[in-house]
Amino acid sequence: MPSDTTPQEKTTLHPRNKNRERYDLAALIEAMPGLAEHVKPNKYGDDSVDFANPIAVKLLNKALLKHYYGIDNWEFPDENLTPPIPGRADYIHYVADLLIEANFGRMPAAEKITVLDIGTGASCIYPILGVVEYGFNFVAADIDADSLTTAENIITANLPLTDKIELRQQENPAYIFNELLYDTEQIDITMCNPPFHASADEATKGTQRKVSNLSGKRVKTPELNFAGVGNELVYPGGEHAFIHNMIAESKLFANQCFWFTTLVSKQSNLKGIYKALDGISATRVKTIPMGTGNKSTRIVAWSLLTPEQQKAWREARWK
């Protein structure tokens, strides 16, 4: 199985990421005035957002979307996950890189690209960024009907997203691609930020650690909306089980997708993932390190197409 793994984790954002520099707080407050009351000097005396406060985090990310990406209306319930825009944008940029690489260094015509986002959530953030940054088309899937309704409201409220994002409900939570993709449908690349925790109790403890680290104080009852709820966080067996199920199902759709990708938060899961990909005879596996601040993660991408099938795909879809 050919493999392309960069050995060293990166701690900087993608070169095309709009948020590589320090936040321009004055510009962000102008975009979202309510953010001002959540900005205060940090221990170094520099103005900073209160990242331990879920309201502040949500306002910051709304300001980033409005100022840098032109998305004026991004409303979803407070109990849903507030995705950090810089990290989410990085995944989109690396998805674009994979398409460029597969097309010999040239970006395929954006209007011909269809991306499948597994678990799009109420925020619909990956499709938003993919449409605004590259003009890709998206199929945005989720098991939660309420999240899809909220995502639809966001799409309707923002003109740049019109006719670019198709929402689909995965009605069987035991499946990922099964009963979601149509028989003859072709997807150029999939993406997914899998549920991280195996149980609600594990999710609560994880949120407690996260908020305590950000605030510098021990927090016994953290605000769970800082990190999301329900299926956004929890899957039986956690990230390990979700990704292994995804790999197994990808074999069934080998000829309908050029690239499959997923985020992998736990480095300890990589060995088992590579073994599973070897087990389905992946023709190409690529690991892409990512990092924002002190957090390191990675994308694992795989293809099941032969070189001949890849050539036929490029000629049929990307020219």
C-alpha atoms as a PDB file:
ATOM      1  CA  MET A   1       0.000   0.000   0.000  1.00  0.00           C
ATOM      2  CA  PRO A   2       1.691   3.259  -1.085  1.00  0.00           C
ATOM      3  CA  SER A   3       1.952   5.704   1.781  1.00  0.00           C
ATOM      4  CA  ASP A   4       2.842   9.383   1.988  1.00  0.00           C
ATOM      5  CA  THR A   5       3.237  10.424   5.608  1.00  0.00           C
ATOM      6  CA  THR A   6       4.938  13.614   6.731  1.00  0.00           C
ATOM      7  CA  PRO A   7       6.799  12.682   9.925  1.00  0.00           C
ATOM      8  CA  GLN A   8       6.692  15.983  11.769  1.00  0.00           C
ATOM      9  CA  GLU A   9       3.568  17.666  13.076  1.00  0.00           C
ATOM     10  CA  LYS A  10       2.994  21.242  11.983  1.00  0.00           C
ATOM     11  CA  THR A  11       1.953  23.923  14.444  1.00  0.00           C
ATOM     12  CA  THR A  12       1.121  26.641  11.878  1.00  0.00           C
ATOM     13  CA  LEU A  13      -1.911  27.168   9.726  1.00  0.00           C
ATOM     14  CA  HIS A  14      -2.068  26.430   6.012  1.00  0.00           C
ATOM     15  CA  PRO A  15      -0.378  29.101   3.837  1.00  0.00           C
ATOM     16  CA  ARG A  16      -3.726  30.072   2.282  1.00  0.00           C
ATOM     17  CA  ASN A  17      -5.510  30.380   5.641  1.00  0.00           C
ATOM     18  CA  LYS A  18      -6.833  33.912   6.187  1.00  0.00           C
ATOM     19  CA  ASN A  19      -6.210  33.661   9.936  1.00  0.00           C
ATOM     20  CA  ARG A  20      -2.481  32.965  10.071  1.00  0.00           C
ATOM     21  CA  GLU A  21      -1.750  36.302  11.719  1.00  0.00           C
ATOM     22  CA  ARG A  22      -2.926  37.525  15.117  1.00  0.00           C
ATOM     23  CA  TYR A  23      -6.577  38.503  15.228  1.00  0.00           C
ATOM     24  CA  ASP A  24      -7.355  42.086  14.232  1.00  0.00           C
ATOM     25  CA  LEU A  25      -9.642  42.599  17.201  1.00  0.00           C
ATOM     26  CA  ALA A  26     -10.651  46.126  16.167  1.00  0.00           C
ATOM     27  CA  ALA A  27     -11.864  44.861  12.793  1.00  0.00           C
ATOM     28  CA  LEU A  28     -13.596  41.872  14.366  1.00  0.00           C
ATOM     29  CA  ILE A  29     -15.394  44.064  16.915  1.00  0.00           C
ATOM     30  CA  GLU A  30     -16.522  46.324  14.079  1.00  0.00           C
ATOM     31  CA  ALA A  31     -17.973  43.247  12.362  1.00  0.00           C
ATOM     32  CA  MET A  32     -19.547  41.911  15.575  1.00  0.00           C
ATOM     33  CA  PRO A  33     -19.876  44.731  18.180  1.00  0.00           C
ATOM     34  CA  GLY A  34     -21.050  42.349  20.918  1.00  0.00           C
ATOM     35  CA  LEU A  35     -17.568  40.814  20.962  1.00  0.00           C
ATOM     36  CA  ALA A  36     -16.168  43.942  22.629  1.00  0.00           C
ATOM     37  CA  GLU A  37     -17.446  43.057  26.101  1.00  0.00           C
ATOM     38  CA  HIS A  38     -15.575  39.738  25.961  1.00  0.00           C
ATOM     39  CA  VAL A  39     -12.165  41.238  25.146  1.00  0.00           C
ATOM     40  CA  LYS A  40      -9.826  41.925  28.035  1.00  0.00           C
ATOM     41  CA  PRO A  41      -6.077  42.019  28.722  1.00  0.00           C
ATOM     42  CA  ASN A  42      -4.426  38.634  29.173  1.00  0.00           C
ATOM     43  CA  LYS A  43      -1.570  37.909  31.581  1.00  0.00           C
ATOM     44  CA  TYR A  44       0.847  39.559  29.152  1.00  0.00           C
ATOM     45  CA  GLY A  45      -1.199  42.742  29.013  1.00  0.00           C
ATOM     46  CA  ASP A  46      -2.429  42.163  25.450  1.00  0.00           C
ATOM     47  CA  ASP A  47      -6.099  42.361  24.551  1.00  0.00           C
ATOM     48  CA  SER A  48      -7.525  38.877  24.097  1.00  0.00           C
ATOM     49  CA  VAL A  49     -10.852  37.091  23.805  1.00  0.00           C
ATOM     50  CA  ASP A  50     -12.090  35.113  26.814  1.00  0.00           C
ATOM     51  CA  PHE A  51     -11.777  31.681  25.224  1.00  0.00           C
ATOM     52  CA  ALA A  52     -13.189  29.959  28.299  1.00  0.00           C
ATOM     53  CA  ASN A  53     -16.536  31.672  27.707  1.00  0.00           C
ATOM     54  CA  PRO A  54     -18.709  29.894  25.091  1.00  0.00           C
ATOM     55  CA  ILE A  55     -20.570  33.111  24.250  1.00  0.00           C
ATOM     56  CA  ALA A  56     -17.277  34.888  23.547  1.00  0.00           C
ATOM     57  CA  VAL A  57     -16.063  31.987  21.399  1.00  0.00           C
ATOM     58  CA  LYS A  58     -19.244  32.016  19.346  1.00  0.00           C
ATOM     59  CA  LEU A  59     -19.118  35.784  18.819  1.00  0.00           C
ATOM     60  CA  LEU A  60     -15.458  35.586  17.800  1.00  0.00           C
ATOM     61  CA  ASN A  61     -16.138  32.954  15.181  1.00  0.00           C
ATOM     62  CA  LYS A  62     -19.181  34.813  13.867  1.00  0.00           C
ATOM     63  CA  ALA A  63     -16.967  37.880  13.528  1.00  0.00           C
ATOM     64  CA  LEU A  64     -14.303  35.882  11.674  1.00  0.00           C
ATOM     65  CA  LEU A  65     -16.884  34.529   9.230  1.00  0.00           C
ATOM     66  CA  LYS A  66     -18.332  37.969   8.613  1.00  0.00           C
ATOM     67  CA  HIS A  67     -15.068  39.902   8.332  1.00  0.00           C
ATOM     68  CA  TYR A  68     -12.947  37.429   6.354  1.00  0.00           C
ATOM     69  CA  TYR A  69     -15.511  35.341   4.480  1.00  0.00           C
ATOM     70  CA  GLY A  70     -18.495  37.621   3.922  1.00  0.00           C
ATOM     71  CA  ILE A  71     -20.978  35.416   5.786  1.00  0.00           C
ATOM     72  CA  ASP A  72     -23.335  37.826   7.540  1.00  0.00           C
ATOM     73  CA  ASN A  73     -25.875  35.382   8.933  1.00  0.00           C
ATOM     74  CA  TRP A  74     -24.603  32.413  10.935  1.00  0.00           C
ATOM     75  CA  GLU A  75     -27.155  31.559  13.584  1.00  0.00           C
ATOM     76  CA  PHE A  76     -27.515  28.219  15.375  1.00  0.00           C
ATOM     77  CA  PRO A  77     -28.553  27.114  18.882  1.00  0.00           C
ATOM     78  CA  ASP A  78     -26.063  27.757  21.666  1.00  0.00           C
ATOM     79  CA  GLU A  79     -26.070  24.095  22.649  1.00  0.00           C
ATOM     80  CA  ASN A  80     -24.546  23.123  19.302  1.00  0.00           C
ATOM     81  CA  LEU A  81     -20.833  22.975  18.642  1.00  0.00           C
ATOM     82  CA  THR A  82     -19.201  26.301  17.806  1.00  0.00           C
ATOM     83  CA  PRO A  83     -16.469  25.345  15.334  1.00  0.00           C
ATOM     84  CA  PRO A  84     -13.198  27.310  15.421  1.00  0.00           C
ATOM     85  CA  ILE A  85     -12.980  28.897  11.976  1.00  0.00           C
ATOM     86  CA  PRO A  86      -9.171  28.839  11.476  1.00  0.00           C
ATOM     87  CA  GLY A  87      -8.900  25.090  12.061  1.00  0.00           C
ATOM     88  CA  ARG A  88     -11.955  24.300   9.952  1.00  0.00           C
ATOM     89  CA  ALA A  89     -10.584  26.440   7.124  1.00  0.00           C
ATOM     90  CA  ASP A  90      -7.320  24.499   7.250  1.00  0.00           C
ATOM     91  CA  TYR A  91      -9.141  21.235   6.501  1.00  0.00           C
ATOM     92  CA  ILE A  92     -10.774  22.857   3.461  1.00  0.00           C
ATOM     93  CA  HIS A  93      -7.424  24.093   2.168  1.00  0.00           C
ATOM     94  CA  TYR A  94      -5.872  20.639   2.517  1.00  0.00           C
ATOM     95  CA  VAL A  95      -8.866  19.124   0.718  1.00  0.00           C
ATOM     96  CA  ALA A  96      -8.131  21.553  -2.115  1.00  0.00           C
ATOM     97  CA  ASP A  97      -4.472  20.482  -2.060  1.00  0.00           C
ATOM     98  CA  LEU A  98      -5.449  16.829  -2.430  1.00  0.00           C
ATOM     99  CA  LEU A  99      -7.533  17.657  -5.502  1.00  0.00           C
ATOM    100  CA  ILE A 100      -4.719  19.727  -6.981  1.00  0.00           C
ATOM    101  CA  GLU A 101      -2.218  16.938  -6.353  1.00  0.00           C
ATOM    102  CA  ALA A 102      -4.494  14.351  -7.956  1.00  0.00           C
ATOM    103  CA  ASN A 103      -4.823  16.598 -11.014  1.00  0.00           C
ATOM    104  CA  PHE A 104      -1.062  17.017 -11.589  1.00  0.00           C
ATOM    105  CA  GLY A 105      -0.728  20.354  -9.840  1.00  0.00           C
ATOM    106  CA  ARG A 106      -3.791  22.095 -11.276  1.00  0.00           C
ATOM    107  CA  MET A 107      -7.036  22.798  -9.463  1.00  0.00           C
ATOM    108  CA  PRO A 108      -9.895  21.007 -11.230  1.00  0.00           C
ATOM    109  CA  ALA A 109     -12.727  23.257 -12.369  1.00  0.00           C
ATOM    110  CA  ALA A 110     -14.420  24.176  -9.086  1.00  0.00           C
ATOM    111  CA  GLU A 111     -17.926  23.938 -10.489  1.00  0.00           C
ATOM    112  CA  LYS A 112     -17.262  20.271 -11.310  1.00  0.00           C
ATOM    113  CA  ILE A 113     -16.134  19.366  -7.784  1.00  0.00           C
ATOM    114  CA  THR A 114     -18.552  17.746  -5.334  1.00  0.00           C
ATOM    115  CA  VAL A 115     -17.483  17.347  -1.704  1.00  0.00           C
ATOM    116  CA  LEU A 116     -19.336  15.156   0.788  1.00  0.00           C
ATOM    117  CA  ASP A 117     -19.283  16.469   4.369  1.00  0.00           C
ATOM    118  CA  ILE A 118     -20.173  13.745   6.863  1.00  0.00           C
ATOM    119  CA  GLY A 119     -21.692  15.221  10.043  1.00  0.00           C
ATOM    120  CA  THR A 120     -22.088  18.766   8.797  1.00  0.00           C
ATOM    121  CA  GLY A 121     -23.797  19.898  12.002  1.00  0.00           C
ATOM    122  CA  ALA A 122     -26.039  22.880  12.635  1.00  0.00           C
ATOM    123  CA  SER A 123     -23.238  25.298  11.762  1.00  0.00           C
ATOM    124  CA  CYS A 124     -22.685  23.809   8.272  1.00  0.00           C
ATOM    125  CA  ILE A 125     -19.175  25.205   8.552  1.00  0.00           C
ATOM    126  CA  TYR A 126     -17.174  23.068   6.119  1.00  0.00           C
ATOM    127  CA  PRO A 127     -19.582  23.633   3.211  1.00  0.00           C
ATOM    128  CA  ILE A 128     -19.680  27.360   3.969  1.00  0.00           C
ATOM    129  CA  LEU A 129     -15.899  27.676   3.858  1.00  0.00           C
ATOM    130  CA  GLY A 130     -15.543  25.371   0.852  1.00  0.00           C
ATOM    131  CA  VAL A 131     -18.060  27.376  -1.156  1.00  0.00           C
ATOM    132  CA  VAL A 132     -16.652  30.780  -0.222  1.00  0.00           C
ATOM    133  CA  GLU A 133     -12.979  29.857  -0.617  1.00  0.00           C
ATOM    134  CA  TYR A 134     -13.114  27.613  -3.690  1.00  0.00           C
ATOM    135  CA  GLY A 135     -16.602  27.518  -5.151  1.00  0.00           C
ATOM    136  CA  PHE A 136     -16.974  23.772  -4.563  1.00  0.00           C
ATOM    137  CA  ASN A 137     -20.362  22.055  -4.527  1.00  0.00           C
ATOM    138  CA  PHE A 138     -21.280  20.179  -1.344  1.00  0.00           C
ATOM    139  CA  VAL A 139     -23.471  17.361  -0.170  1.00  0.00           C
ATOM    140  CA  ALA A 140     -23.819  18.083   3.560  1.00  0.00           C
ATOM    141  CA  ALA A 141     -25.058  15.125   5.593  1.00  0.00           C
ATOM    142  CA  ASP A 142     -26.121  14.666   9.203  1.00  0.00           C
ATOM    143  CA  ILE A 143     -28.231  12.257  11.231  1.00  0.00           C
ATOM    144  CA  ASP A 144     -29.960  15.060  13.144  1.00  0.00           C
ATOM    145  CA  ALA A 145     -32.984  16.634  11.424  1.00  0.00           C
ATOM    146  CA  ASP A 146     -32.911  19.748  13.630  1.00  0.00           C
ATOM    147  CA  SER A 147     -29.288  20.425  12.715  1.00  0.00           C
ATOM    148  CA  LEU A 148     -30.130  20.161   9.031  1.00  0.00           C
ATOM    149  CA  THR A 149     -33.037  22.579   9.455  1.00  0.00           C
ATOM    150  CA  THR A 150     -30.712  25.092  11.079  1.00  0.00           C
ATOM    151  CA  ALA A 151     -28.117  24.556   8.351  1.00  0.00           C
ATOM    152  CA  GLU A 152     -30.802  25.160   5.719  1.00  0.00           C
ATOM    153  CA  ASN A 153     -31.719  28.451   7.383  1.00  0.00           C
ATOM    154  CA  ILE A 154     -28.062  29.526   7.271  1.00  0.00           C
ATOM    155  CA  ILE A 155     -27.770  28.632   3.583  1.00  0.00           C
ATOM    156  CA  THR A 156     -30.965  30.508   2.726  1.00  0.00           C
ATOM    157  CA  ALA A 157     -29.808  33.602   4.634  1.00  0.00           C
ATOM    158  CA  ASN A 158     -26.486  33.925   2.787  1.00  0.00           C
ATOM    159  CA  LEU A 159     -26.609  34.616  -0.949  1.00  0.00           C
ATOM    160  CA  PRO A 160     -23.099  33.220  -1.741  1.00  0.00           C
ATOM    161  CA  LEU A 161     -24.273  29.763  -0.595  1.00  0.00           C
ATOM    162  CA  THR A 162     -27.338  29.604  -2.835  1.00  0.00           C
ATOM    163  CA  ASP A 163     -27.569  26.432  -4.971  1.00  0.00           C
ATOM    164  CA  LYS A 164     -24.139  25.219  -3.785  1.00  0.00           C
ATOM    165  CA  ILE A 165     -25.044  22.995  -0.820  1.00  0.00           C
ATOM    166  CA  GLU A 166     -27.414  20.021  -0.837  1.00  0.00           C
ATOM    167  CA  LEU A 167     -28.489  18.839   2.608  1.00  0.00           C
ATOM    168  CA  ARG A 168     -29.204  15.159   3.249  1.00  0.00           C
ATOM    169  CA  GLN A 169     -30.255  13.284   6.348  1.00  0.00           C
ATOM    170  CA  GLN A 170     -28.618   9.975   7.166  1.00  0.00           C
ATOM    171  CA  GLU A 171     -31.648   8.311   8.700  1.00  0.00           C
ATOM    172  CA  ASN A 172     -29.783   5.209   9.882  1.00  0.00           C
ATOM    173  CA  PRO A 173     -27.192   6.196  12.527  1.00  0.00           C
ATOM    174  CA  ALA A 174     -25.487   2.820  12.111  1.00  0.00           C
ATOM    175  CA  TYR A 175     -24.372   3.837   8.607  1.00  0.00           C
ATOM    176  CA  ILE A 176     -22.084   6.486   7.204  1.00  0.00           C
ATOM    177  CA  PHE A 177     -22.114   6.190   3.400  1.00  0.00           C
ATOM    178  CA  ASN A 178     -24.692   3.396   3.150  1.00  0.00           C
ATOM    179  CA  GLU A 179     -28.227   4.631   2.387  1.00  0.00           C
ATOM    180  CA  LEU A 180     -26.835   8.141   1.901  1.00  0.00           C
ATOM    181  CA  LEU A 181     -25.079   8.053  -1.484  1.00  0.00           C
ATOM    182  CA  TYR A 182     -27.015   7.289  -4.631  1.00  0.00           C
ATOM    183  CA  ASP A 183     -26.035   4.239  -6.694  1.00  0.00           C
ATOM    184  CA  THR A 184     -24.463   6.136  -9.603  1.00  0.00           C
ATOM    185  CA  GLU A 185     -23.392   9.247  -7.689  1.00  0.00           C
ATOM    186  CA  GLN A 186     -19.760  10.374  -7.889  1.00  0.00           C
ATOM    187  CA  ILE A 187     -18.054  12.299  -5.105  1.00  0.00           C
ATOM    188  CA  ASP A 188     -14.654  13.858  -5.673  1.00  0.00           C
ATOM    189  CA  ILE A 189     -13.672  13.949  -2.015  1.00  0.00           C
ATOM    190  CA  THR A 190     -15.264  13.281   1.383  1.00  0.00           C
ATOM    191  CA  MET A 191     -14.486  14.970   4.667  1.00  0.00           C
ATOM    192  CA  CYS A 192     -15.429  14.313   8.270  1.00  0.00           C
ATOM    193  CA  ASN A 193     -14.729  15.539  11.784  1.00  0.00           C
ATOM    194  CA  PRO A 194     -15.702  12.362  13.680  1.00  0.00           C
ATOM    195  CA  PRO A 195     -17.281  12.290  17.126  1.00  0.00           C
ATOM    196  CA  PHE A 196     -14.371  12.114  19.536  1.00  0.00           C
ATOM    197  CA  HIS A 197     -15.825  10.517  22.666  1.00  0.00           C
ATOM    198  CA  ALA A 198     -17.243   7.054  23.345  1.00  0.00           C
ATOM    199  CA  SER A 199     -19.756   8.187  25.980  1.00  0.00           C
ATOM    200  CA  ALA A 200     -21.494  11.267  27.371  1.00  0.00           C
ATOM    201  CA  ASP A 201     -19.506  10.957  30.609  1.00  0.00           C
ATOM    202  CA  GLU A 202     -16.246  10.945  28.688  1.00  0.00           C
ATOM    203  CA  ALA A 203     -17.396  14.030  26.758  1.00  0.00           C
ATOM    204  CA  THR A 204     -18.222  15.883  29.984  1.00  0.00           C
ATOM    205  CA  LYS A 205     -14.792  15.117  31.446  1.00  0.00           C
ATOM    206  CA  GLY A 206     -13.126  16.243  28.228  1.00  0.00           C
ATOM    207  CA  THR A 207     -15.003  19.529  28.289  1.00  0.00           C
ATOM    208  CA  GLN A 208     -14.093  19.979  31.956  1.00  0.00           C
ATOM    209  CA  ARG A 209     -10.387  19.606  31.148  1.00  0.00           C
ATOM    210  CA  LYS A 210     -10.637  21.951  28.184  1.00  0.00           C
ATOM    211  CA  VAL A 211     -12.395  24.754  30.027  1.00  0.00           C
ATOM    212  CA  SER A 212     -10.145  24.367  33.081  1.00  0.00           C
ATOM    213  CA  ASN A 213      -7.045  24.667  30.884  1.00  0.00           C
ATOM    214  CA  LEU A 214      -8.378  27.791  29.188  1.00  0.00           C
ATOM    215  CA  SER A 215      -9.533  29.512  32.363  1.00  0.00           C
ATOM    216  CA  GLY A 216      -6.653  28.414  34.572  1.00  0.00           C
ATOM    217  CA  LYS A 217      -9.191  27.266  37.144  1.00  0.00           C
ATOM    218  CA  ARG A 218     -10.655  23.907  38.042  1.00  0.00           C
ATOM    219  CA  VAL A 219     -14.203  23.795  36.695  1.00  0.00           C
ATOM    220  CA  LYS A 220     -16.499  21.120  38.125  1.00  0.00           C
ATOM    221  CA  THR A 221     -19.543  21.871  35.961  1.00  0.00           C
ATOM    222  CA  PRO A 222     -18.369  23.281  32.614  1.00  0.00           C
ATOM    223  CA  GLU A 223     -20.786  24.742  30.098  1.00  0.00           C
ATOM    224  CA  LEU A 224     -21.194  21.868  27.675  1.00  0.00           C
ATOM    225  CA  ASN A 225     -22.188  24.127  24.825  1.00  0.00           C
ATOM    226  CA  PHE A 226     -18.541  25.130  24.602  1.00  0.00           C
ATOM    227  CA  ALA A 227     -17.798  21.748  23.054  1.00  0.00           C
ATOM    228  CA  GLY A 228     -21.095  20.637  21.566  1.00  0.00           C
ATOM    229  CA  VAL A 229     -23.661  18.060  22.563  1.00  0.00           C
ATOM    230  CA  GLY A 230     -25.074  14.692  21.603  1.00  0.00           C
ATOM    231  CA  ASN A 231     -23.994  13.166  18.305  1.00  0.00           C
ATOM    232  CA  GLU A 232     -21.538  16.028  17.698  1.00  0.00           C
ATOM    233  CA  LEU A 233     -19.375  14.584  20.468  1.00  0.00           C
ATOM    234  CA  VAL A 234     -20.354  10.992  21.143  1.00  0.00           C
ATOM    235  CA  TYR A 235     -20.352   7.752  19.135  1.00  0.00           C
ATOM    236  CA  PRO A 236     -20.289   4.226  20.579  1.00  0.00           C
ATOM    237  CA  GLY A 237     -16.618   3.293  20.567  1.00  0.00           C
ATOM    238  CA  GLY A 238     -15.537   6.899  19.980  1.00  0.00           C
ATOM    239  CA  GLU A 239     -13.346   8.140  17.161  1.00  0.00           C
ATOM    240  CA  HIS A 240     -11.696   4.740  16.719  1.00  0.00           C
ATOM    241  CA  ALA A 241     -14.971   2.925  15.998  1.00  0.00           C
ATOM    242  CA  PHE A 242     -16.383   5.677  13.797  1.00  0.00           C
ATOM    243  CA  ILE A 243     -13.343   5.829  11.523  1.00  0.00           C
ATOM    244  CA  HIS A 244     -13.074   2.054  11.253  1.00  0.00           C
ATOM    245  CA  ASN A 245     -16.731   1.888  10.243  1.00  0.00           C
ATOM    246  CA  MET A 246     -16.098   4.617   7.694  1.00  0.00           C
ATOM    247  CA  ILE A 247     -13.144   2.718   6.236  1.00  0.00           C
ATOM    248  CA  ALA A 248     -15.157  -0.497   5.964  1.00  0.00           C
ATOM    249  CA  GLU A 249     -18.022   1.288   4.201  1.00  0.00           C
ATOM    250  CA  SER A 250     -15.680   3.153   1.857  1.00  0.00           C
ATOM    251  CA  LYS A 251     -14.802  -0.171   0.262  1.00  0.00           C
ATOM    252  CA  LEU A 252     -18.418  -0.474  -0.874  1.00  0.00           C
ATOM    253  CA  PHE A 253     -18.194   2.890  -2.637  1.00  0.00           C
ATOM    254  CA  ALA A 254     -14.675   2.478  -3.997  1.00  0.00           C
ATOM    255  CA  ASN A 255     -15.613   3.453  -7.546  1.00  0.00           C
ATOM    256  CA  GLN A 256     -17.829   6.371  -6.575  1.00  0.00           C
ATOM    257  CA  CYS A 257     -15.273   8.509  -4.769  1.00  0.00           C
ATOM    258  CA  PHE A 258     -11.779   9.669  -5.683  1.00  0.00           C
ATOM    259  CA  TRP A 259     -10.586  10.594  -2.171  1.00  0.00           C
ATOM    260  CA  PHE A 260     -11.967   9.657   1.239  1.00  0.00           C
ATOM    261  CA  THR A 261     -10.687  11.748   4.148  1.00  0.00           C
ATOM    262  CA  THR A 262     -11.205  12.133   7.881  1.00  0.00           C
ATOM    263  CA  LEU A 263      -9.731  14.053  10.760  1.00  0.00           C
ATOM    264  CA  VAL A 264      -7.943  11.882  13.316  1.00  0.00           C
ATOM    265  CA  SER A 265      -7.546  13.561  16.714  1.00  0.00           C
ATOM    266  CA  LYS A 266      -5.864  10.702  18.572  1.00  0.00           C
ATOM    267  CA  GLN A 267      -2.435   9.828  17.196  1.00  0.00           C
ATOM    268  CA  SER A 268      -2.726   6.461  18.931  1.00  0.00           C
ATOM    269  CA  ASN A 269      -5.499   5.543  16.475  1.00  0.00           C
ATOM    270  CA  LEU A 270      -3.246   5.845  13.423  1.00  0.00           C
ATOM    271  CA  LYS A 271      -1.695   2.381  13.586  1.00  0.00           C
ATOM    272  CA  GLY A 272      -5.095   0.682  13.536  1.00  0.00           C
ATOM    273  CA  ILE A 273      -6.306   2.990  10.763  1.00  0.00           C
ATOM    274  CA  TYR A 274      -3.350   2.130   8.536  1.00  0.00           C
ATOM    275  CA  LYS A 275      -3.956  -1.567   9.173  1.00  0.00           C
ATOM    276  CA  ALA A 276      -7.625  -1.206   8.261  1.00  0.00           C
ATOM    277  CA  LEU A 277      -6.755   0.673   5.068  1.00  0.00           C
ATOM    278  CA  ASP A 278      -4.292  -2.041   4.152  1.00  0.00           C
ATOM    279  CA  GLY A 279      -7.096  -4.534   4.724  1.00  0.00           C
ATOM    280  CA  ILE A 280      -9.318  -2.897   2.103  1.00  0.00           C
ATOM    281  CA  SER A 281      -6.412  -2.609  -0.361  1.00  0.00           C
ATOM    282  CA  ALA A 282      -6.241   1.185  -0.464  1.00  0.00           C
ATOM    283  CA  THR A 283      -4.188   2.251  -3.481  1.00  0.00           C
ATOM    284  CA  ARG A 284      -3.041   5.482  -1.859  1.00  0.00           C
ATOM    285  CA  VAL A 285      -2.865   6.645   1.759  1.00  0.00           C
ATOM    286  CA  LYS A 286      -1.757  10.110   2.786  1.00  0.00           C
ATOM    287  CA  THR A 287      -1.422  11.623   6.259  1.00  0.00           C
ATOM    288  CA  ILE A 288      -1.477  15.411   6.559  1.00  0.00           C
ATOM    289  CA  PRO A 289      -0.474  16.925   9.914  1.00  0.00           C
ATOM    290  CA  MET A 290      -2.351  20.027  11.039  1.00  0.00           C
ATOM    291  CA  GLY A 291      -1.989  22.279  14.049  1.00  0.00           C
ATOM    292  CA  THR A 292      -3.585  25.334  15.615  1.00  0.00           C
ATOM    293  CA  GLY A 293      -1.890  26.760  18.681  1.00  0.00           C
ATOM    294  CA  ASN A 294      -1.015  23.902  21.027  1.00  0.00           C
ATOM    295  CA  LYS A 295      -3.446  21.459  19.398  1.00  0.00           C
ATOM    296  CA  SER A 296      -2.130  18.941  16.880  1.00  0.00           C
ATOM    297  CA  THR A 297      -4.299  16.761  14.706  1.00  0.00           C
ATOM    298  CA  ARG A 298      -4.097  15.223  11.262  1.00  0.00           C
ATOM    299  CA  ILE A 299      -6.075  14.309   8.175  1.00  0.00           C
ATOM    300  CA  VAL A 300      -5.901  10.767   6.860  1.00  0.00           C
ATOM    301  CA  ALA A 301      -6.855  10.452   3.182  1.00  0.00           C
ATOM    302  CA  TRP A 302      -7.172   7.313   1.102  1.00  0.00           C
ATOM    303  CA  SER A 303      -8.175   6.305  -2.390  1.00  0.00           C
ATOM    304  CA  LEU A 304      -9.318   2.929  -3.692  1.00  0.00           C
ATOM    305  CA  LEU A 305      -9.069   3.776  -7.395  1.00  0.00           C
ATOM    306  CA  THR A 306      -6.422   2.194  -9.587  1.00  0.00           C
ATOM    307  CA  PRO A 307      -4.173   4.519 -11.632  1.00  0.00           C
ATOM    308  CA  GLU A 308      -6.275   3.709 -14.690  1.00  0.00           C
ATOM    309  CA  GLN A 309      -9.485   4.573 -12.859  1.00  0.00           C
ATOM    310  CA  GLN A 310      -7.941   7.820 -11.579  1.00  0.00           C
ATOM    311  CA  LYS A 311      -7.044   8.805 -15.143  1.00  0.00           C
ATOM    312  CA  ALA A 312     -10.558   8.062 -16.353  1.00  0.00           C
ATOM    313  CA  TRP A 313     -11.984  10.090 -13.451  1.00  0.00           C
ATOM    314  CA  ARG A 314      -9.851  13.131 -14.294  1.00  0.00           C
ATOM    315  CA  GLU A 315     -10.791  12.994 -17.959  1.00  0.00           C
ATOM    316  CA  ALA A 316     -14.508  12.532 -17.305  1.00  0.00           C
ATOM    317  CA  ARG A 317     -15.002  15.011 -14.446  1.00  0.00           C
ATOM    318  CA  TRP A 318     -12.190  17.516 -14.109  1.00  0.00           C
ATOM    319  CA  LYS A 319     -11.576  18.818 -17.614  1.00  0.00           C
END
